[in-house]
Amino acid sequence: MTGRGIVAGYSARFWGIVVVLGLITGIAASLLVDLLHLVEHIAYGYRRGPFLDGVAAAADWRRVASLLVAAVLVIVGTAWLRRIPTSGAIEVSEAVWLRGARVAVVPSLGRAVLSIVTVGLGVSLGREGAPQLAGAAGGSWLSDLAGLPTWQRRLLVASGAGAGFAAVYNVPLGGALFALEVLLGTVALPFVLPALATSVIATVVAWVNLGTSPSYHLPSYGIHPAQVAWAIVVGPIIGVAAILWVRLIARAAALRPHRRWGRILTPLGVFLALGLLSIQYPQLLGNGKGVVQLAAVGSLSLGLLCVLLVLKPLATAACLTTGSPGGLFTPTLTVGALLASVLGVLWEHVWPGARLGSYAIIGGGAFLAAAMQGPLAGVVLVLELTRNFDSLMAPTLLAVIEATIIARRLGAPSIYSARLELEPDLGTAVGTTAGQAAGVAAIAAMDRVDPIREDDKPDPRAP
């Protein structure tokens, strides 16, 4: 069946599910962000303003105490979630790539709440992981109710995850591309329309509570020849750095403890260390949004940039080893912006003239695209997150192309498949060692081909 035929073949029931999925995902994302802000304000004793400002103004004991509370919640929460019988996956990537897009609804929603609370307490992971889980769980649940075929279920689960991403960051097109390019590995027309509709509906619903402002506020950057030359020179460097970042995350996922005492002592040790480090470097806490904002306007010194470039990736990787659920999008963008800012400061000595913050945006987008193995999604996400990016499009595209090609040529997976590939608990999700090996092989193949497998191709007789 042709792409046009598939689009025409979607039933009214399917489109109704798309609308409902967008609505519930937008509501869920809005509620989760409200919970995030409530936790942040209680934990660090501030009423309004950016998270980084609140953390920086908080007493030292609050930073340490908040991380210790997060450790207790991770220990108790993950232990409780492991006891719940599951018939599906509890991670979006696992569901889409390994489990026929079947998501365990209750455990996934539990992990979403645990994720958003611990990130609010200062854990160095992304807040988008929670709404993605909620959207994916909604897509799986609605597909069960309607008895949809596997290929439509996979599309709806990915679209729900992308819609949760879109709603929490106000990036409707970026959320749809994340679902398609990163999760499904295809931007074919039959899948674009449902993914885009779900993301747009969820984002519009979230506007009621979260507003319509962009995530990052930038000055008006003009284009300068130095930026174009810089992008050409550092694109390969950013690609190699993205590979190292992906490997660090994969290694961190592999080091998650299996034994009972490891699951208790690892969160306590890691979060205590993070809390103590945050006394000197509060920028390490949370997903890194405040750091990206400061880098994007050139407000960080070279010394602090270098320190954070070392500590922030290690903090995020260490938090992953604890078993704490959370996203990787903003931490990845943060690492990319820090690296690009350092390279930009050095470039200023070679070819001055461009504003320093522009390098953080150009390089951050390239790093994000290479790490996700999603060049279109990476560029569009930066565009929507900043809303003031048009003049930097050409150098950013150059850096994105070079960085992504380098990452692909060296065989790097996306940051999401790498994390899942080495997930130590994957055996319980897949079922057997043989199933785990098959899952790993499937992930490796899906980084290069359309993930809609032959046995899941649309049936012309399907509604």
Protein backbone atom coordinates (compact mmCIF):
# COMPACT_ATOMS: atom_id res chain seq x y z
CA MET A 1 0.00 0.00 0.00
CA THR A 2 1.29 3.45 -0.87
CA GLY A 3 1.84 6.15 1.72
CA ARG A 4 -1.16 8.08 0.38
CA GLY A 5 -3.27 4.95 0.63
CA ILE A 6 -2.28 4.39 4.24
CA VAL A 7 -3.22 7.96 5.17
CA ALA A 8 -6.57 7.60 3.46
CA GLY A 9 -7.04 4.24 5.17
CA TYR A 10 -6.87 5.62 8.71
CA SER A 11 -10.33 5.18 10.20
CA ALA A 12 -12.36 7.84 11.98
CA ARG A 13 -11.80 5.81 15.15
CA PHE A 14 -8.03 6.09 14.71
CA TRP A 15 -8.21 9.87 14.31
CA GLY A 16 -10.48 10.05 17.33
CA ILE A 17 -7.81 8.22 19.34
CA VAL A 18 -5.20 10.71 18.08
CA VAL A 19 -7.32 13.60 19.39
CA VAL A 20 -7.95 11.94 22.75
CA LEU A 21 -4.27 11.03 23.09
CA GLY A 22 -3.24 14.61 22.43
CA LEU A 23 -5.72 15.90 25.01
CA ILE A 24 -4.74 13.54 27.82
CA THR A 25 -1.02 13.93 27.11
CA GLY A 26 -1.28 17.72 27.23
CA ILE A 27 -3.17 17.57 30.54
CA ALA A 28 -0.70 15.04 31.99
CA ALA A 29 2.31 17.13 30.92
CA SER A 30 0.79 20.24 32.46
CA LEU A 31 0.11 18.49 35.76
CA LEU A 32 3.60 17.01 35.86
CA VAL A 33 5.21 20.41 35.32
CA ASP A 34 3.06 21.83 38.13
CA LEU A 35 4.29 19.02 40.37
CA LEU A 36 7.88 19.75 39.33
CA HIS A 37 7.59 23.42 40.28
CA LEU A 38 5.88 22.58 43.57
CA VAL A 39 8.71 20.22 44.54
CA GLU A 40 11.37 22.76 43.50
CA HIS A 41 9.80 25.55 45.55
CA ILE A 42 9.36 23.41 48.65
CA ALA A 43 12.79 21.83 48.45
CA TYR A 44 14.78 25.02 47.91
CA GLY A 45 12.54 27.55 49.65
CA TYR A 46 11.85 30.00 46.84
CA ARG A 47 8.55 31.22 45.39
CA ARG A 48 9.24 32.36 41.84
CA GLY A 49 11.92 32.70 39.23
CA PRO A 50 14.23 30.21 37.47
CA PHE A 51 15.25 27.02 39.24
CA LEU A 52 18.95 27.88 39.08
CA ASP A 53 18.36 31.21 40.83
CA GLY A 54 16.38 29.47 43.57
CA VAL A 55 19.05 26.82 44.07
CA ALA A 56 21.87 29.38 44.13
CA ALA A 57 20.05 31.38 46.82
CA ALA A 58 19.20 28.34 48.95
CA ALA A 59 21.12 27.39 52.08
CA ASP A 60 23.80 24.74 51.67
CA TRP A 61 21.96 22.29 53.91
CA ARG A 62 18.91 22.45 51.63
CA ARG A 63 20.91 21.25 48.65
CA VAL A 64 22.32 18.26 50.52
CA ALA A 65 19.03 17.45 52.25
CA SER A 66 17.04 17.62 48.99
CA LEU A 67 19.38 15.16 47.28
CA LEU A 68 19.22 12.77 50.25
CA VAL A 69 15.41 12.88 50.09
CA ALA A 70 15.71 12.09 46.37
CA ALA A 71 17.92 9.10 47.21
CA VAL A 72 15.34 7.71 49.63
CA LEU A 73 12.56 8.18 47.08
CA VAL A 74 14.58 6.39 44.40
CA ILE A 75 15.36 3.48 46.73
CA VAL A 76 11.77 3.07 47.92
CA GLY A 77 10.09 3.98 44.64
CA THR A 78 12.08 1.70 42.38
CA ALA A 79 11.72 -1.19 44.85
CA TRP A 80 7.95 -0.72 44.88
CA LEU A 81 7.72 -0.45 41.10
CA ARG A 82 9.71 -3.67 40.65
CA ARG A 83 7.05 -5.55 42.63
CA ILE A 84 4.22 -4.55 40.32
CA PRO A 85 3.46 -7.29 37.76
CA THR A 86 3.97 -5.93 34.26
CA SER A 87 2.84 -7.12 30.86
CA GLY A 88 4.67 -4.42 28.92
CA ALA A 89 7.65 -2.11 28.89
CA ILE A 90 8.32 0.67 31.40
CA GLU A 91 10.51 2.76 29.08
CA VAL A 92 9.46 4.36 25.80
CA SER A 93 12.40 3.11 23.74
CA GLU A 94 11.99 -0.40 25.07
CA ALA A 95 8.30 -0.38 24.20
CA VAL A 96 8.72 0.93 20.65
CA TRP A 97 11.74 -1.16 19.68
CA LEU A 98 11.42 -4.36 21.67
CA ARG A 99 7.94 -4.97 23.06
CA GLY A 100 5.56 -4.38 20.18
CA ALA A 101 4.78 -0.92 21.63
CA ARG A 102 3.12 -2.37 24.72
CA VAL A 103 3.59 -0.12 27.73
CA ALA A 104 2.85 -1.16 31.32
CA VAL A 105 0.55 1.72 32.24
CA VAL A 106 0.65 1.77 36.05
CA PRO A 107 4.42 1.21 36.46
CA SER A 108 5.13 3.75 33.71
CA LEU A 109 2.98 6.40 35.35
CA GLY A 110 4.65 5.59 38.67
CA ARG A 111 8.06 6.08 37.10
CA ALA A 112 6.85 9.35 35.55
CA VAL A 113 5.87 10.75 38.95
CA LEU A 114 9.09 9.49 40.55
CA SER A 115 11.11 11.04 37.74
CA ILE A 116 9.53 14.49 37.94
CA VAL A 117 9.79 14.61 41.75
CA THR A 118 13.46 13.60 41.85
CA VAL A 119 14.39 16.05 39.08
CA GLY A 120 12.63 18.75 41.08
CA LEU A 121 14.76 17.78 44.06
CA GLY A 122 17.89 18.35 41.99
CA VAL A 123 18.77 15.05 40.29
CA SER A 124 20.80 15.78 37.15
CA LEU A 125 18.38 14.25 34.62
CA GLY A 126 15.80 15.66 32.21
CA ARG A 127 12.22 16.50 33.12
CA GLU A 128 10.89 15.42 29.70
CA GLY A 129 11.18 11.74 30.64
CA ALA A 130 8.01 11.95 32.76
CA PRO A 131 5.59 13.38 30.15
CA GLN A 132 7.05 11.05 27.53
CA LEU A 133 6.19 8.06 29.70
CA ALA A 134 2.71 9.43 30.34
CA GLY A 135 2.08 10.01 26.62
CA ALA A 136 3.42 6.59 25.65
CA ALA A 137 1.31 4.89 28.32
CA GLY A 138 -1.74 6.73 27.03
CA GLY A 139 -1.04 5.62 23.47
CA SER A 140 -0.65 1.98 24.53
CA TRP A 141 -3.80 2.05 26.67
CA LEU A 142 -5.95 3.61 23.94
CA SER A 143 -4.59 1.15 21.38
CA ASP A 144 -5.60 -1.73 23.67
CA LEU A 145 -9.11 -0.34 24.04
CA ALA A 146 -9.50 0.02 20.28
CA GLY A 147 -7.77 -3.25 19.37
CA LEU A 148 -5.43 -1.56 16.90
CA PRO A 149 -2.79 -3.50 14.90
CA THR A 150 0.81 -3.42 16.03
CA TRP A 151 1.99 -0.88 13.46
CA GLN A 152 -0.67 1.62 14.54
CA ARG A 153 0.08 0.92 18.21
CA ARG A 154 3.76 1.64 17.63
CA LEU A 155 2.89 4.88 15.86
CA LEU A 156 0.57 6.01 18.67
CA VAL A 157 3.01 5.14 21.46
CA ALA A 158 5.79 7.08 19.74
CA SER A 159 3.40 9.93 18.98
CA GLY A 160 2.27 10.05 22.60
CA ALA A 161 5.87 10.22 23.78
CA GLY A 162 6.63 12.98 21.29
CA ALA A 163 3.49 14.85 22.36
CA GLY A 164 4.56 14.75 26.00
CA PHE A 165 7.93 16.12 24.95
CA ALA A 166 6.23 18.80 22.84
CA ALA A 167 3.83 19.91 25.56
CA VAL A 168 6.40 20.31 28.32
CA TYR A 169 8.81 22.34 26.15
CA ASN A 170 6.28 24.04 23.82
CA VAL A 171 7.84 22.48 20.71
CA PRO A 172 5.01 20.93 18.64
CA LEU A 173 7.00 20.34 15.45
CA GLY A 174 10.09 19.24 17.36
CA GLY A 175 8.03 16.78 19.41
CA ALA A 176 6.57 15.24 16.27
CA LEU A 177 10.01 14.93 14.68
CA PHE A 178 11.37 13.40 17.87
CA ALA A 179 8.67 10.73 17.68
CA LEU A 180 9.32 10.07 14.00
CA GLU A 181 13.03 10.51 13.41
CA VAL A 182 14.39 9.44 16.80
CA LEU A 183 11.87 6.86 18.02
CA LEU A 184 10.49 5.42 14.76
CA GLY A 185 13.42 6.16 12.45
CA THR A 186 11.26 7.44 9.59
CA VAL A 187 9.60 10.67 8.51
CA ALA A 188 7.33 9.03 5.92
CA LEU A 189 4.08 10.86 5.20
CA PRO A 190 1.75 8.18 6.65
CA PHE A 191 3.31 8.70 10.07
CA VAL A 192 3.90 12.45 9.97
CA LEU A 193 0.25 13.52 10.17
CA PRO A 194 -0.78 11.51 13.28
CA ALA A 195 2.45 12.40 15.11
CA LEU A 196 2.10 16.07 14.24
CA ALA A 197 -1.58 16.20 15.19
CA THR A 198 -0.91 14.57 18.57
CA SER A 199 1.94 16.97 19.37
CA VAL A 200 0.02 20.07 18.31
CA ILE A 201 -3.06 19.14 20.36
CA ALA A 202 -0.99 18.34 23.46
CA THR A 203 0.97 21.59 23.14
CA VAL A 204 -2.15 23.72 22.74
CA VAL A 205 -3.75 22.07 25.76
CA ALA A 206 -0.62 22.72 27.83
CA TRP A 207 -0.64 26.40 26.79
CA VAL A 208 -3.61 26.96 29.11
CA ASN A 209 -1.43 26.30 32.15
CA LEU A 210 2.18 26.54 30.97
CA GLY A 211 1.90 29.52 28.63
CA THR A 212 3.38 30.06 25.19
CA SER A 213 6.82 31.48 25.99
CA PRO A 214 9.92 29.81 24.55
CA SER A 215 12.15 27.84 26.88
CA TYR A 216 15.18 30.07 26.22
CA HIS A 217 15.28 33.82 25.73
CA LEU A 218 18.04 35.03 23.42
CA PRO A 219 19.19 38.37 22.08
CA SER A 220 19.06 38.92 18.36
CA TYR A 221 22.16 37.26 16.94
CA GLY A 222 23.41 38.41 13.57
CA ILE A 223 25.28 36.17 11.18
CA HIS A 224 29.06 36.59 11.01
CA PRO A 225 31.65 34.84 8.81
CA ALA A 226 33.45 33.70 11.96
CA GLN A 227 30.44 31.58 12.93
CA VAL A 228 30.40 29.80 9.56
CA ALA A 229 34.12 29.07 9.68
CA TRP A 230 33.82 27.93 13.32
CA ALA A 231 31.00 25.55 12.46
CA ILE A 232 33.06 23.95 9.68
CA VAL A 233 36.10 23.56 11.93
CA VAL A 234 34.40 22.25 15.10
CA GLY A 235 31.65 20.11 13.52
CA PRO A 236 33.82 16.96 13.54
CA ILE A 237 35.01 17.73 17.09
CA ILE A 238 31.42 17.97 18.27
CA GLY A 239 30.61 14.68 16.50
CA VAL A 240 33.42 12.87 18.31
CA ALA A 241 32.39 14.43 21.62
CA ALA A 242 28.81 13.28 21.06
CA ILE A 243 30.07 9.72 20.60
CA LEU A 244 31.96 9.92 23.89
CA TRP A 245 28.84 11.25 25.62
CA VAL A 246 26.70 8.41 24.25
CA ARG A 247 29.26 5.85 25.39
CA LEU A 248 29.39 7.42 28.84
CA ILE A 249 25.60 7.14 29.15
CA ALA A 250 25.65 3.56 27.91
CA ARG A 251 28.34 2.69 30.44
CA ALA A 252 26.39 4.37 33.23
CA ALA A 253 23.28 2.36 32.35
CA ALA A 254 25.33 -0.83 32.41
CA LEU A 255 26.63 -0.06 35.88
CA ARG A 256 23.24 0.09 37.55
CA PRO A 257 23.39 -2.20 40.58
CA HIS A 258 21.64 -5.58 40.58
CA ARG A 259 21.91 -6.51 44.21
CA ARG A 260 19.78 -5.19 47.04
CA TRP A 261 22.51 -3.37 48.93
CA GLY A 262 23.84 -1.84 45.75
CA ARG A 263 20.39 -0.44 45.01
CA ILE A 264 20.41 1.18 48.45
CA LEU A 265 23.99 2.39 48.77
CA THR A 266 24.45 3.67 45.19
CA PRO A 267 21.69 6.33 45.33
CA LEU A 268 22.76 7.41 48.81
CA GLY A 269 26.42 7.76 47.82
CA VAL A 270 25.84 9.42 44.44
CA PHE A 271 23.24 11.91 45.61
CA LEU A 272 25.19 12.81 48.74
CA ALA A 273 28.25 13.52 46.59
CA LEU A 274 26.13 15.58 44.16
CA GLY A 275 24.64 17.56 47.03
CA LEU A 276 28.07 18.35 48.45
CA LEU A 277 29.42 19.38 45.03
CA SER A 278 26.39 21.63 44.52
CA ILE A 279 27.49 23.75 47.49
CA GLN A 280 30.26 25.08 45.28
CA TYR A 281 28.57 24.46 41.92
CA PRO A 282 24.77 24.79 42.13
CA GLN A 283 24.68 24.60 38.33
CA LEU A 284 25.05 20.82 38.61
CA LEU A 285 21.55 20.39 40.01
CA GLY A 286 18.52 19.76 37.84
CA ASN A 287 18.31 19.17 34.13
CA GLY A 288 20.66 22.02 33.14
CA LYS A 289 18.15 24.44 31.60
CA GLY A 290 19.58 27.40 33.52
CA VAL A 291 23.10 26.56 32.39
CA VAL A 292 22.04 26.52 28.74
CA GLN A 293 20.35 29.90 29.18
CA LEU A 294 23.50 31.43 30.68
CA ALA A 295 25.73 29.88 28.01
CA ALA A 296 23.41 31.11 25.26
CA VAL A 297 23.85 34.72 26.35
CA GLY A 298 27.58 34.36 27.03
CA SER A 299 27.34 34.85 30.80
CA LEU A 300 29.65 32.06 31.96
CA SER A 301 33.39 32.52 32.45
CA LEU A 302 35.84 30.23 30.70
CA GLY A 303 36.93 28.74 34.03
CA LEU A 304 33.39 27.88 35.08
CA LEU A 305 32.61 26.53 31.61
CA CYS A 306 35.57 24.14 31.81
CA VAL A 307 34.64 22.95 35.31
CA LEU A 308 31.01 22.35 34.36
CA LEU A 309 32.02 20.63 31.12
CA VAL A 310 33.77 18.02 33.24
CA LEU A 311 31.36 17.78 36.17
CA LYS A 312 27.94 18.00 34.48
CA PRO A 313 28.36 14.91 32.24
CA LEU A 314 29.75 12.96 35.19
CA ALA A 315 26.87 14.09 37.41
CA THR A 316 24.26 12.98 34.87
CA ALA A 317 25.97 9.65 34.26
CA ALA A 318 26.29 9.05 38.01
CA CYS A 319 22.59 9.78 38.51
CA LEU A 320 21.77 7.18 35.84
CA THR A 321 23.77 4.53 37.72
CA THR A 322 21.43 4.95 40.71
CA GLY A 323 18.42 3.68 38.75
CA SER A 324 16.66 7.02 39.04
CA PRO A 325 14.30 7.51 36.08
CA GLY A 326 14.65 10.67 34.00
CA GLY A 327 15.22 12.11 30.58
CA LEU A 328 18.42 12.89 28.69
CA PHE A 329 17.36 15.66 26.33
CA THR A 330 18.22 18.80 28.32
CA PRO A 331 21.34 17.26 29.93
CA THR A 332 22.57 16.46 26.41
CA LEU A 333 21.83 19.98 25.20
CA THR A 334 23.62 21.32 28.30
CA VAL A 335 26.78 19.32 27.64
CA GLY A 336 26.74 20.42 23.99
CA ALA A 337 26.27 24.09 24.91
CA LEU A 338 29.12 23.93 27.44
CA LEU A 339 31.50 22.30 24.96
CA ALA A 340 30.55 24.76 22.22
CA SER A 341 30.99 27.71 24.58
CA VAL A 342 34.52 26.61 25.46
CA LEU A 343 35.38 26.16 21.79
CA GLY A 344 33.77 29.51 21.02
CA VAL A 345 35.85 31.36 23.60
CA LEU A 346 39.01 29.82 22.12
CA TRP A 347 37.87 30.70 18.60
CA GLU A 348 37.46 34.34 19.62
CA HIS A 349 41.25 34.53 19.84
CA VAL A 350 41.50 33.32 16.24
CA TRP A 351 38.63 35.26 14.64
CA PRO A 352 36.82 37.75 16.88
CA GLY A 353 33.59 39.50 15.97
CA ALA A 354 30.71 37.13 16.67
CA ARG A 355 28.83 37.12 19.97
CA LEU A 356 29.96 34.33 22.29
CA GLY A 357 26.48 33.08 23.09
CA SER A 358 25.83 32.25 19.45
CA TYR A 359 28.43 29.49 19.56
CA ALA A 360 26.57 27.75 22.39
CA ILE A 361 23.41 27.62 20.28
CA ILE A 362 25.13 26.47 17.08
CA GLY A 363 27.24 23.82 18.78
CA GLY A 364 24.55 22.76 21.24
CA GLY A 365 22.18 21.99 18.37
CA ALA A 366 24.87 20.03 16.53
CA PHE A 367 25.79 18.03 19.63
CA LEU A 368 22.12 17.26 20.30
CA ALA A 369 21.50 16.13 16.72
CA ALA A 370 24.56 13.86 16.68
CA ALA A 371 23.80 12.33 20.07
CA MET A 372 20.15 11.65 19.16
CA GLN A 373 21.03 10.59 15.59
CA GLY A 374 18.26 12.99 14.59
CA PRO A 375 19.55 15.92 12.50
CA LEU A 376 16.12 17.26 11.57
CA ALA A 377 14.77 16.92 15.09
CA GLY A 378 17.88 18.53 16.57
CA VAL A 379 17.70 21.63 14.38
CA VAL A 380 13.95 22.09 14.72
CA LEU A 381 14.05 21.63 18.49
CA VAL A 382 16.67 24.36 18.90
CA LEU A 383 14.64 26.59 16.59
CA GLU A 384 11.47 26.15 18.62
CA LEU A 385 13.18 26.30 22.00
CA THR A 386 14.73 29.70 21.24
CA ARG A 387 12.37 31.33 18.68
CA ASN A 388 15.24 33.63 17.69
CA PHE A 389 17.49 31.40 15.68
CA ASP A 390 16.93 32.16 11.99
CA SER A 391 20.18 34.06 11.46
CA LEU A 392 22.19 31.14 12.87
CA MET A 393 20.52 28.48 10.73
CA ALA A 394 23.27 28.15 8.11
CA PRO A 395 26.22 27.60 10.49
CA THR A 396 24.08 25.34 12.65
CA LEU A 397 23.15 23.16 9.69
CA LEU A 398 26.80 22.90 8.69
CA ALA A 399 27.79 21.81 12.19
CA VAL A 400 24.84 19.41 12.43
CA ILE A 401 25.69 17.74 9.12
CA GLU A 402 29.35 17.26 9.99
CA ALA A 403 28.74 16.11 13.57
CA THR A 404 26.02 13.64 12.60
CA ILE A 405 28.03 12.18 9.73
CA ILE A 406 31.04 11.67 12.00
CA ALA A 407 28.87 9.99 14.65
CA ARG A 408 27.25 7.69 12.09
CA ARG A 409 30.51 6.84 10.33
CA LEU A 410 32.02 5.79 13.63
CA GLY A 411 29.03 3.58 14.35
CA ALA A 412 27.56 5.45 17.27
CA PRO A 413 23.95 4.62 18.17
CA SER A 414 21.53 7.25 19.36
CA ILE A 415 21.65 8.14 23.02
CA TYR A 416 18.31 6.42 23.56
CA SER A 417 19.18 3.10 21.94
CA ALA A 418 22.60 3.07 23.63
CA ARG A 419 21.00 3.50 27.03
CA LEU A 420 18.56 0.69 26.37
CA GLU A 421 21.09 -1.58 24.69
CA LEU A 422 23.11 -1.89 27.87
CA GLU A 423 20.19 -1.72 30.29
CA PRO A 424 20.93 -4.36 32.97
CA ASP A 425 17.25 -4.97 33.70
CA LEU A 426 16.41 -5.55 30.05
CA GLY A 427 16.22 -9.28 30.61
CA THR A 428 13.13 -8.87 32.78
CA ALA A 429 11.51 -6.75 30.12
CA VAL A 430 12.37 -8.89 27.13
CA GLY A 431 12.01 -12.18 28.91
CA THR A 432 15.11 -14.23 28.15
CA THR A 433 18.76 -13.90 27.31
CA ALA A 434 17.99 -14.86 23.75
CA GLY A 435 15.30 -12.20 23.64
CA GLN A 436 17.76 -9.67 24.98
CA ALA A 437 20.25 -10.52 22.23
CA ALA A 438 17.50 -10.22 19.63
CA GLY A 439 16.49 -6.88 21.07
CA VAL A 440 20.03 -5.56 20.88
CA ALA A 441 20.28 -6.67 17.26
CA ALA A 442 16.95 -5.02 16.49
CA ILE A 443 18.09 -1.74 18.01
CA ALA A 444 21.29 -1.79 15.99
CA ALA A 445 19.31 -2.38 12.81
CA MET A 446 16.74 0.28 13.62
CA ASP A 447 19.39 2.94 13.85
CA ARG A 448 19.81 2.45 10.10
CA VAL A 449 16.47 1.31 8.67
CA ASP A 450 12.77 1.89 8.93
CA PRO A 451 11.63 0.33 12.24
CA ILE A 452 8.27 -0.75 10.82
CA ARG A 453 9.26 -4.35 10.31
CA GLU A 454 7.94 -6.49 7.50
CA ASP A 455 5.66 -8.52 9.77
CA ASP A 456 4.18 -5.25 11.07
CA LYS A 457 3.54 -3.64 7.68
CA PRO A 458 0.04 -2.20 7.36
CA ASP A 459 -2.60 -4.69 6.33
CA PRO A 460 -4.68 -3.30 3.45
CA ARG A 461 -7.76 -4.76 5.18
CA ALA A 462 -7.04 -3.00 8.47
CA PRO A 463 -9.45 -0.21 9.43
